[in-house]
Amino acid sequence: MNTTPEYLHFDDLDDWDEDDVVVVEIINNETGNVRTHYPNRQSGPQPIEEAFDEAHRFLANDPNIRRIGVFLHSEAQWAPMWGVLIKRKQSLYSKPFRV
């Protein structure tokens, strides 16, 4: 069984309109911010590991959250140790695919 986490990759936070996705906004390779639509909140900057832990707690405890997304600021790079990024296509009717 594969236990590597998978995350939807958002190119732009304006593209994030799904209420069932909590987003880890990666500010740089050390700092992240967790965002949810409902309630409309942001965690504030925190270490990356804590941001991913918080997002996973939302996924485990909130029945309305079904996926975790990621938005990378230009200063940040994805680290494979965090998991697998799934590219989110622009179409609302298409399925995500691995990058």
PDB file of N, CA and C in Angstrom:
ATOM      1  N   MET A   1       0.831  -1.181   0.000  1.00  0.00           N
ATOM      2  CA  MET A   1       0.000   0.000   0.000  1.00  0.00           C
ATOM      3  C   MET A   1       0.878   1.248   0.000  1.00  0.00           C
ATOM      4  N   ASN A   2       0.607   2.170  -0.911  1.00  0.00           N
ATOM      5  CA  ASN A   2       1.376   3.394  -1.027  1.00  0.00           C
ATOM      6  C   ASN A   2       0.893   4.395   0.024  1.00  0.00           C
ATOM      7  N   THR A   3       1.790   4.836   0.886  1.00  0.00           N
ATOM      8  CA  THR A   3       1.417   5.795   1.919  1.00  0.00           C
ATOM      9  C   THR A   3       1.950   7.193   1.623  1.00  0.00           C
ATOM     10  N   THR A   4       2.506   7.397   0.428  1.00  0.00           N
ATOM     11  CA  THR A   4       3.003   8.710   0.052  1.00  0.00           C
ATOM     12  C   THR A   4       1.823   9.650  -0.159  1.00  0.00           C
ATOM     13  N   PRO A   5       1.780  10.775   0.563  1.00  0.00           N
ATOM     14  CA  PRO A   5       0.657  11.698   0.390  1.00  0.00           C
ATOM     15  C   PRO A   5       0.644  12.319  -1.003  1.00  0.00           C
ATOM     16  N   GLU A   6      -0.547  12.561  -1.519  1.00  0.00           N
ATOM     17  CA  GLU A   6      -0.722  13.236  -2.804  1.00  0.00           C
ATOM     18  C   GLU A   6      -1.447  14.551  -2.557  1.00  0.00           C
ATOM     19  N   TYR A   7      -0.988  15.598  -3.244  1.00  0.00           N
ATOM     20  CA  TYR A   7      -1.537  16.933  -3.070  1.00  0.00           C
ATOM     21  C   TYR A   7      -1.886  17.524  -4.431  1.00  0.00           C
ATOM     22  N   LEU A   8      -3.039  18.202  -4.522  1.00  0.00           N
ATOM     23  CA  LEU A   8      -3.403  18.922  -5.739  1.00  0.00           C
ATOM     24  C   LEU A   8      -2.535  20.171  -5.845  1.00  0.00           C
ATOM     25  N   HIS A   9      -1.968  20.409  -7.016  1.00  0.00           N
ATOM     26  CA  HIS A   9      -1.115  21.582  -7.212  1.00  0.00           C
ATOM     27  C   HIS A   9      -1.931  22.690  -7.865  1.00  0.00           C
ATOM     28  N   PHE A  10      -2.043  23.822  -7.195  1.00  0.00           N
ATOM     29  CA  PHE A  10      -2.723  24.996  -7.737  1.00  0.00           C
ATOM     30  C   PHE A  10      -1.670  25.985  -8.219  1.00  0.00           C
ATOM     31  N   ASP A  11      -1.781  26.411  -9.494  1.00  0.00           N
ATOM     32  CA  ASP A  11      -0.856  27.403 -10.041  1.00  0.00           C
ATOM     33  C   ASP A  11      -1.178  28.804  -9.535  1.00  0.00           C
ATOM     34  N   ASP A  12      -2.434  29.009  -9.156  1.00  0.00           N
ATOM     35  CA  ASP A  12      -2.907  30.324  -8.732  1.00  0.00           C
ATOM     36  C   ASP A  12      -3.967  30.116  -7.656  1.00  0.00           C
ATOM     37  N   LEU A  13      -3.890  30.849  -6.574  1.00  0.00           N
ATOM     38  CA  LEU A  13      -4.895  30.704  -5.516  1.00  0.00           C
ATOM     39  C   LEU A  13      -6.286  31.109  -5.997  1.00  0.00           C
ATOM     40  N   ASP A  14      -6.353  31.951  -7.039  1.00  0.00           N
ATOM     41  CA  ASP A  14      -7.658  32.323  -7.598  1.00  0.00           C
ATOM     42  C   ASP A  14      -8.351  31.134  -8.260  1.00  0.00           C
ATOM     43  N   ASP A  15      -7.594  30.094  -8.610  1.00  0.00           N
ATOM     44  CA  ASP A  15      -8.176  28.884  -9.208  1.00  0.00           C
ATOM     45  C   ASP A  15      -8.778  27.961  -8.157  1.00  0.00           C
ATOM     46  N   TRP A  16      -8.491  28.216  -6.903  1.00  0.00           N
ATOM     47  CA  TRP A  16      -8.960  27.361  -5.807  1.00  0.00           C
ATOM     48  C   TRP A  16     -10.364  27.788  -5.415  1.00  0.00           C
ATOM     49  N   ASP A  17     -11.350  27.038  -5.882  1.00  0.00           N
ATOM     50  CA  ASP A  17     -12.733  27.370  -5.553  1.00  0.00           C
ATOM     51  C   ASP A  17     -13.480  26.188  -4.946  1.00  0.00           C
ATOM     52  N   GLU A  18     -12.792  25.095  -4.682  1.00  0.00           N
ATOM     53  CA  GLU A  18     -13.418  23.911  -4.109  1.00  0.00           C
ATOM     54  C   GLU A  18     -13.489  24.035  -2.590  1.00  0.00           C
ATOM     55  N   ASP A  19     -14.687  23.919  -2.039  1.00  0.00           N
ATOM     56  CA  ASP A  19     -14.866  23.978  -0.586  1.00  0.00           C
ATOM     57  C   ASP A  19     -14.322  22.738   0.113  1.00  0.00           C
ATOM     58  N   ASP A  20     -14.122  21.649  -0.643  1.00  0.00           N
ATOM     59  CA  ASP A  20     -13.681  20.399  -0.016  1.00  0.00           C
ATOM     60  C   ASP A  20     -12.168  20.215  -0.065  1.00  0.00           C
ATOM     61  N   VAL A  21     -11.433  21.289  -0.377  1.00  0.00           N
ATOM     62  CA  VAL A  21      -9.969  21.234  -0.444  1.00  0.00           C
ATOM     63  C   VAL A  21      -9.388  22.248   0.543  1.00  0.00           C
ATOM     64  N   VAL A  22      -8.528  21.783   1.428  1.00  0.00           N
ATOM     65  CA  VAL A  22      -7.746  22.663   2.294  1.00  0.00           C
ATOM     66  C   VAL A  22      -6.399  22.858   1.598  1.00  0.00           C
ATOM     67  N   VAL A  23      -5.880  24.084   1.587  1.00  0.00           N
ATOM     68  CA  VAL A  23      -4.659  24.385   0.836  1.00  0.00           C
ATOM     69  C   VAL A  23      -3.514  24.746   1.780  1.00  0.00           C
ATOM     70  N   VAL A  24      -2.359  24.140   1.506  1.00  0.00           N
ATOM     71  CA  VAL A  24      -1.119  24.544   2.165  1.00  0.00           C
ATOM     72  C   VAL A  24      -0.427  25.505   1.207  1.00  0.00           C
ATOM     73  N   GLU A  25      -0.361  26.756   1.609  1.00  0.00           N
ATOM     74  CA  GLU A  25       0.302  27.789   0.822  1.00  0.00           C
ATOM     75  C   GLU A  25       1.765  27.799   1.259  1.00  0.00           C
ATOM     76  N   ILE A  26       2.653  27.373   0.369  1.00  0.00           N
ATOM     77  CA  ILE A  26       4.074  27.280   0.715  1.00  0.00           C
ATOM     78  C   ILE A  26       4.742  28.601   0.345  1.00  0.00           C
ATOM     79  N   ILE A  27       5.092  29.354   1.375  1.00  0.00           N
ATOM     80  CA  ILE A  27       5.644  30.690   1.198  1.00  0.00           C
ATOM     81  C   ILE A  27       7.102  30.609   0.760  1.00  0.00           C
ATOM     82  N   ASN A  28       7.860  29.765   1.424  1.00  0.00           N
ATOM     83  CA  ASN A  28       9.234  29.445   1.032  1.00  0.00           C
ATOM     84  C   ASN A  28       9.473  28.018   1.506  1.00  0.00           C
ATOM     85  N   ASN A  29      10.660  27.502   1.360  1.00  0.00           N
ATOM     86  CA  ASN A  29      10.872  26.086   1.676  1.00  0.00           C
ATOM     87  C   ASN A  29      10.888  25.783   3.169  1.00  0.00           C
ATOM     88  N   GLU A  30      10.660  26.780   3.991  1.00  0.00           N
ATOM     89  CA  GLU A  30      10.619  26.565   5.437  1.00  0.00           C
ATOM     90  C   GLU A  30       9.290  26.964   6.066  1.00  0.00           C
ATOM     91  N   THR A  31       8.485  27.761   5.367  1.00  0.00           N
ATOM     92  CA  THR A  31       7.290  28.355   5.953  1.00  0.00           C
ATOM     93  C   THR A  31       6.060  28.089   5.097  1.00  0.00           C
ATOM     94  N   GLY A  32       4.956  27.732   5.771  1.00  0.00           N
ATOM     95  CA  GLY A  32       3.693  27.507   5.081  1.00  0.00           C
ATOM     96  C   GLY A  32       2.536  28.139   5.833  1.00  0.00           C
ATOM     97  N   ASN A  33       1.397  28.237   5.161  1.00  0.00           N
ATOM     98  CA  ASN A  33       0.181  28.823   5.701  1.00  0.00           C
ATOM     99  C   ASN A  33      -0.967  27.911   5.268  1.00  0.00           C
ATOM    100  N   VAL A  34      -1.845  27.540   6.177  1.00  0.00           N
ATOM    101  CA  VAL A  34      -2.967  26.659   5.837  1.00  0.00           C
ATOM    102  C   VAL A  34      -4.209  27.513   5.634  1.00  0.00           C
ATOM    103  N   ARG A  35      -4.911  27.281   4.502  1.00  0.00           N
ATOM    104  CA  ARG A  35      -6.110  28.053   4.169  1.00  0.00           C
ATOM    105  C   ARG A  35      -7.300  27.119   3.981  1.00  0.00           C
ATOM    106  N   THR A  36      -8.454  27.571   4.452  1.00  0.00           N
ATOM    107  CA  THR A  36      -9.709  26.861   4.200  1.00  0.00           C
ATOM    108  C   THR A  36     -10.750  27.867   3.747  1.00  0.00           C
ATOM    109  N   HIS A  37     -11.710  27.393   2.925  1.00  0.00           N
ATOM    110  CA  HIS A  37     -12.822  28.254   2.524  1.00  0.00           C
ATOM    111  C   HIS A  37     -13.844  28.374   3.643  1.00  0.00           C
ATOM    112  N   TYR A  38     -14.101  27.281   4.332  1.00  0.00           N
ATOM    113  CA  TYR A  38     -15.113  27.296   5.395  1.00  0.00           C
ATOM    114  C   TYR A  38     -14.571  26.617   6.633  1.00  0.00           C
ATOM    115  N   PRO A  39     -14.418  27.270   7.720  1.00  0.00           N
ATOM    116  CA  PRO A  39     -14.579  28.724   7.791  1.00  0.00           C
ATOM    117  C   PRO A  39     -13.428  29.398   7.058  1.00  0.00           C
ATOM    118  N   ASN A  40     -13.697  30.558   6.486  1.00  0.00           N
ATOM    119  CA  ASN A  40     -12.678  31.273   5.718  1.00  0.00           C
ATOM    120  C   ASN A  40     -11.567  31.685   6.683  1.00  0.00           C
ATOM    121  N   ARG A  41     -10.474  30.949   6.663  1.00  0.00           N
ATOM    122  CA  ARG A  41      -9.412  31.209   7.630  1.00  0.00           C
ATOM    123  C   ARG A  41      -8.041  30.931   7.039  1.00  0.00           C
ATOM    124  N   GLN A  42      -7.052  31.533   7.670  1.00  0.00           N
ATOM    125  CA  GLN A  42      -5.649  31.262   7.383  1.00  0.00           C
ATOM    126  C   GLN A  42      -4.948  31.034   8.716  1.00  0.00           C
ATOM    127  N   SER A  43      -4.040  30.098   8.739  1.00  0.00           N
ATOM    128  CA  SER A  43      -3.344  29.769   9.983  1.00  0.00           C
ATOM    129  C   SER A  43      -2.300  30.801  10.357  1.00  0.00           C
ATOM    130  N   GLY A  44      -1.779  31.474   9.355  1.00  0.00           N
ATOM    131  CA  GLY A  44      -0.615  32.329   9.567  1.00  0.00           C
ATOM    132  C   GLY A  44       0.640  31.516   9.319  1.00  0.00           C
ATOM    133  N   PRO A  45       1.765  32.186   9.073  1.00  0.00           N
ATOM    134  CA  PRO A  45       3.006  31.475   8.778  1.00  0.00           C
ATOM    135  C   PRO A  45       3.417  30.535   9.913  1.00  0.00           C
ATOM    136  N   GLN A  46       3.851  29.338   9.509  1.00  0.00           N
ATOM    137  CA  GLN A  46       4.321  28.331  10.464  1.00  0.00           C
ATOM    138  C   GLN A  46       5.295  27.410   9.728  1.00  0.00           C
ATOM    139  N   PRO A  47       6.092  26.641  10.453  1.00  0.00           N
ATOM    140  CA  PRO A  47       7.008  25.710   9.783  1.00  0.00           C
ATOM    141  C   PRO A  47       6.244  24.757   8.852  1.00  0.00           C
ATOM    142  N   ILE A  48       6.876  24.394   7.744  1.00  0.00           N
ATOM    143  CA  ILE A  48       6.244  23.539   6.727  1.00  0.00           C
ATOM    144  C   ILE A  48       5.655  22.274   7.335  1.00  0.00           C
ATOM    145  N   GLU A  49       6.416  21.586   8.164  1.00  0.00           N
ATOM    146  CA  GLU A  49       5.930  20.322   8.734  1.00  0.00           C
ATOM    147  C   GLU A  49       4.649  20.537   9.531  1.00  0.00           C
ATOM    148  N   GLU A  50       4.581  21.636  10.280  1.00  0.00           N
ATOM    149  CA  GLU A  50       3.376  21.940  11.055  1.00  0.00           C
ATOM    150  C   GLU A  50       2.203  22.285  10.144  1.00  0.00           C
ATOM    151  N   ALA A  51       2.483  22.982   9.036  1.00  0.00           N
ATOM    152  CA  ALA A  51       1.420  23.317   8.085  1.00  0.00           C
ATOM    153  C   ALA A  51       0.829  22.047   7.472  1.00  0.00           C
ATOM    154  N   PHE A  52       1.682  21.110   7.049  1.00  0.00           N
ATOM    155  CA  PHE A  52       1.164  19.856   6.498  1.00  0.00           C
ATOM    156  C   PHE A  52       0.417  19.056   7.560  1.00  0.00           C
ATOM    157  N   ASP A  53       0.930  19.043   8.792  1.00  0.00           N
ATOM    158  CA  ASP A  53       0.232  18.340   9.882  1.00  0.00           C
ATOM    159  C   ASP A  53      -1.154  18.936  10.111  1.00  0.00           C
ATOM    160  N   GLU A  54      -1.250  20.268  10.109  1.00  0.00           N
ATOM    161  CA  GLU A  54      -2.550  20.921  10.307  1.00  0.00           C
ATOM    162  C   GLU A  54      -3.516  20.577   9.174  1.00  0.00           C
ATOM    163  N   ALA A  55      -3.019  20.595   7.935  1.00  0.00           N
ATOM    164  CA  ALA A  55      -3.875  20.252   6.796  1.00  0.00           C
ATOM    165  C   ALA A  55      -4.371  18.813   6.905  1.00  0.00           C
ATOM    166  N   HIS A  56      -3.506  17.906   7.333  1.00  0.00           N
ATOM    167  CA  HIS A  56      -3.916  16.506   7.493  1.00  0.00           C
ATOM    168  C   HIS A  56      -4.918  16.345   8.636  1.00  0.00           C
ATOM    169  N   ARG A  57      -4.811  17.179   9.666  1.00  0.00           N
ATOM    170  CA  ARG A  57      -5.820  17.148  10.743  1.00  0.00           C
ATOM    171  C   ARG A  57      -7.182  17.590  10.214  1.00  0.00           C
ATOM    172  N   PHE A  58      -7.203  18.623   9.357  1.00  0.00           N
ATOM    173  CA  PHE A  58      -8.459  19.032   8.723  1.00  0.00           C
ATOM    174  C   PHE A  58      -9.048  17.869   7.931  1.00  0.00           C
ATOM    175  N   LEU A  59      -8.204  17.209   7.149  1.00  0.00           N
ATOM    176  CA  LEU A  59      -8.657  16.092   6.326  1.00  0.00           C
ATOM    177  C   LEU A  59      -9.230  14.973   7.191  1.00  0.00           C
ATOM    178  N   ALA A  60      -8.604  14.695   8.314  1.00  0.00           N
ATOM    179  CA  ALA A  60      -9.044  13.606   9.188  1.00  0.00           C
ATOM    180  C   ALA A  60     -10.280  13.961  10.008  1.00  0.00           C
ATOM    181  N   ASN A  61     -10.424  15.227  10.388  1.00  0.00           N
ATOM    182  CA  ASN A  61     -11.469  15.606  11.336  1.00  0.00           C
ATOM    183  C   ASN A  61     -12.672  16.321  10.739  1.00  0.00           C
ATOM    184  N   ASP A  62     -12.544  16.885   9.555  1.00  0.00           N
ATOM    185  CA  ASP A  62     -13.655  17.616   8.943  1.00  0.00           C
ATOM    186  C   ASP A  62     -14.219  16.786   7.799  1.00  0.00           C
ATOM    187  N   PRO A  63     -15.457  16.298   7.921  1.00  0.00           N
ATOM    188  CA  PRO A  63     -16.020  15.445   6.875  1.00  0.00           C
ATOM    189  C   PRO A  63     -16.218  16.163   5.542  1.00  0.00           C
ATOM    190  N   ASN A  64     -16.154  17.496   5.545  1.00  0.00           N
ATOM    191  CA  ASN A  64     -16.327  18.255   4.304  1.00  0.00           C
ATOM    192  C   ASN A  64     -15.033  18.382   3.510  1.00  0.00           C
ATOM    193  N   ILE A  65     -13.897  18.118   4.140  1.00  0.00           N
ATOM    194  CA  ILE A  65     -12.599  18.217   3.456  1.00  0.00           C
ATOM    195  C   ILE A  65     -12.245  16.852   2.880  1.00  0.00           C
ATOM    196  N   ARG A  66     -12.014  16.813   1.552  1.00  0.00           N
ATOM    197  CA  ARG A  66     -11.705  15.544   0.888  1.00  0.00           C
ATOM    198  C   ARG A  66     -10.298  15.484   0.307  1.00  0.00           C
ATOM    199  N   ARG A  67      -9.671  16.644   0.093  1.00  0.00           N
ATOM    200  CA  ARG A  67      -8.325  16.678  -0.510  1.00  0.00           C
ATOM    201  C   ARG A  67      -7.506  17.793   0.124  1.00  0.00           C
ATOM    202  N   ILE A  68      -6.207  17.683  -0.054  1.00  0.00           N
ATOM    203  CA  ILE A  68      -5.287  18.746   0.351  1.00  0.00           C
ATOM    204  C   ILE A  68      -4.638  19.285  -0.919  1.00  0.00           C
ATOM    205  N   GLY A  69      -4.649  20.592  -1.051  1.00  0.00           N
ATOM    206  CA  GLY A  69      -4.010  21.240  -2.185  1.00  0.00           C
ATOM    207  C   GLY A  69      -2.758  21.978  -1.744  1.00  0.00           C
ATOM    208  N   VAL A  70      -1.958  22.365  -2.718  1.00  0.00           N
ATOM    209  CA  VAL A  70      -0.716  23.100  -2.451  1.00  0.00           C
ATOM    210  C   VAL A  70      -0.607  24.238  -3.450  1.00  0.00           C
ATOM    211  N   PHE A  71      -0.237  25.400  -2.947  1.00  0.00           N
ATOM    212  CA  PHE A  71       0.127  26.531  -3.795  1.00  0.00           C
ATOM    213  C   PHE A  71       1.551  26.923  -3.433  1.00  0.00           C
ATOM    214  N   LEU A  72       2.429  26.966  -4.429  1.00  0.00           N
ATOM    215  CA  LEU A  72       3.844  27.313  -4.219  1.00  0.00           C
ATOM    216  C   LEU A  72       4.096  28.760  -4.638  1.00  0.00           C
ATOM    217  N   HIS A  73       4.569  29.581  -3.714  1.00  0.00           N
ATOM    218  CA  HIS A  73       5.012  30.927  -4.082  1.00  0.00           C
ATOM    219  C   HIS A  73       6.263  30.794  -4.941  1.00  0.00           C
ATOM    220  N   SER A  74       6.607  31.858  -5.656  1.00  0.00           N
ATOM    221  CA  SER A  74       7.746  31.794  -6.583  1.00  0.00           C
ATOM    222  C   SER A  74       9.065  31.493  -5.869  1.00  0.00           C
ATOM    223  N   GLU A  75       9.161  31.814  -4.580  1.00  0.00           N
ATOM    224  CA  GLU A  75      10.395  31.561  -3.832  1.00  0.00           C
ATOM    225  C   GLU A  75      10.505  30.113  -3.367  1.00  0.00           C
ATOM    226  N   ALA A  76       9.441  29.347  -3.513  1.00  0.00           N
ATOM    227  CA  ALA A  76       9.404  27.977  -2.975  1.00  0.00           C
ATOM    228  C   ALA A  76       9.594  26.944  -4.077  1.00  0.00           C
ATOM    229  N   GLN A  77      10.170  25.822  -3.703  1.00  0.00           N
ATOM    230  CA  GLN A  77      10.300  24.672  -4.596  1.00  0.00           C
ATOM    231  C   GLN A  77       9.743  23.459  -3.880  1.00  0.00           C
ATOM    232  N   TRP A  78       9.101  22.586  -4.648  1.00  0.00           N
ATOM    233  CA  TRP A  78       8.520  21.379  -4.077  1.00  0.00           C
ATOM    234  C   TRP A  78       9.626  20.415  -3.671  1.00  0.00           C
ATOM    235  N   ALA A  79       9.533  19.868  -2.473  1.00  0.00           N
ATOM    236  CA  ALA A  79      10.483  18.860  -1.998  1.00  0.00           C
ATOM    237  C   ALA A  79       9.797  17.497  -2.053  1.00  0.00           C
ATOM    238  N   PRO A  80      10.337  16.531  -2.792  1.00  0.00           N
ATOM    239  CA  PRO A  80       9.710  15.215  -2.917  1.00  0.00           C
ATOM    240  C   PRO A  80       9.435  14.528  -1.581  1.00  0.00           C
ATOM    241  N   MET A  81      10.190  14.879  -0.532  1.00  0.00           N
ATOM    242  CA  MET A  81       9.945  14.252   0.773  1.00  0.00           C
ATOM    243  C   MET A  81       8.576  14.635   1.337  1.00  0.00           C
ATOM    244  N   TRP A  82       7.951  15.702   0.804  1.00  0.00           N
ATOM    245  CA  TRP A  82       6.632  16.119   1.277  1.00  0.00           C
ATOM    246  C   TRP A  82       5.524  15.250   0.699  1.00  0.00           C
ATOM    247  N   GLY A  83       5.776  14.620  -0.442  1.00  0.00           N
ATOM    248  CA  GLY A  83       4.755  13.798  -1.090  1.00  0.00           C
ATOM    249  C   GLY A  83       4.778  14.002  -2.593  1.00  0.00           C
ATOM    250  N   VAL A  84       3.659  13.675  -3.241  1.00  0.00           N
ATOM    251  CA  VAL A  84       3.539  13.752  -4.698  1.00  0.00           C
ATOM    252  C   VAL A  84       2.575  14.880  -5.055  1.00  0.00           C
ATOM    253  N   LEU A  85       3.007  15.744  -5.984  1.00  0.00           N
ATOM    254  CA  LEU A  85       2.126  16.799  -6.483  1.00  0.00           C
ATOM    255  C   LEU A  85       1.303  16.268  -7.643  1.00  0.00           C
ATOM    256  N   ILE A  86       0.010  16.531  -7.605  1.00  0.00           N
ATOM    257  CA  ILE A  86      -0.900  16.159  -8.686  1.00  0.00           C
ATOM    258  C   ILE A  86      -1.315  17.455  -9.363  1.00  0.00           C
ATOM    259  N   LYS A  87      -0.981  17.597 -10.633  1.00  0.00           N
ATOM    260  CA  LYS A  87      -1.308  18.821 -11.360  1.00  0.00           C
ATOM    261  C   LYS A  87      -2.814  18.927 -11.533  1.00  0.00           C
ATOM    262  N   ARG A  88      -3.385  20.040 -11.127  1.00  0.00           N
ATOM    263  CA  ARG A  88      -4.815  20.266 -11.265  1.00  0.00           C
ATOM    264  C   ARG A  88      -5.053  20.945 -12.605  1.00  0.00           C
ATOM    265  N   LYS A  89      -5.794  20.265 -13.475  1.00  0.00           N
ATOM    266  CA  LYS A  89      -6.128  20.860 -14.767  1.00  0.00           C
ATOM    267  C   LYS A  89      -7.108  22.004 -14.548  1.00  0.00           C
ATOM    268  N   GLN A  90      -7.163  22.904 -15.483  1.00  0.00           N
ATOM    269  CA  GLN A  90      -8.037  24.069 -15.360  1.00  0.00           C
ATOM    270  C   GLN A  90      -9.514  23.700 -15.447  1.00  0.00           C
ATOM    271  N   SER A  91      -9.821  22.649 -16.196  1.00  0.00           N
ATOM    272  CA  SER A  91     -11.214  22.260 -16.363  1.00  0.00           C
ATOM    273  C   SER A  91     -11.768  21.673 -15.075  1.00  0.00           C
ATOM    274  N   LEU A  92     -12.947  22.117 -14.679  1.00  0.00           N
ATOM    275  CA  LEU A  92     -13.593  21.575 -13.487  1.00  0.00           C
ATOM    276  C   LEU A  92     -14.055  20.148 -13.703  1.00  0.00           C
ATOM    277  N   TYR A  93     -14.162  19.728 -14.964  1.00  0.00           N
ATOM    278  CA  TYR A  93     -14.692  18.401 -15.274  1.00  0.00           C
ATOM    279  C   TYR A  93     -13.607  17.363 -15.484  1.00  0.00           C
ATOM    280  N   SER A  94     -12.359  17.775 -15.448  1.00  0.00           N
ATOM    281  CA  SER A  94     -11.273  16.828 -15.675  1.00  0.00           C
ATOM    282  C   SER A  94     -10.713  16.344 -14.350  1.00  0.00           C
ATOM    283  N   LYS A  95     -10.050  15.212 -14.407  1.00  0.00           N
ATOM    284  CA  LYS A  95      -9.420  14.649 -13.215  1.00  0.00           C
ATOM    285  C   LYS A  95      -7.979  15.139 -13.137  1.00  0.00           C
ATOM    286  N   PRO A  96      -7.439  15.265 -11.925  1.00  0.00           N
ATOM    287  CA  PRO A  96      -6.032  15.652 -11.784  1.00  0.00           C
ATOM    288  C   PRO A  96      -5.108  14.585 -12.372  1.00  0.00           C
ATOM    289  N   PHE A  97      -3.913  14.971 -12.737  1.00  0.00           N
ATOM    290  CA  PHE A  97      -2.930  14.004 -13.212  1.00  0.00           C
ATOM    291  C   PHE A  97      -1.598  14.282 -12.535  1.00  0.00           C
ATOM    292  N   ARG A  98      -0.776  13.226 -12.446  1.00  0.00           N
ATOM    293  CA  ARG A  98       0.529  13.354 -11.784  1.00  0.00           C
ATOM    294  C   ARG A  98       1.485  14.182 -12.622  1.00  0.00           C
ATOM    295  N   VAL A  99       2.328  14.960 -11.904  1.00  0.00           N
ATOM    296  CA  VAL A  99       3.380  15.720 -12.595  1.00  0.00           C
ATOM    297  C   VAL A  99       4.710  15.082 -12.306  1.00  0.00           C
TER     298      VAL A  99
END
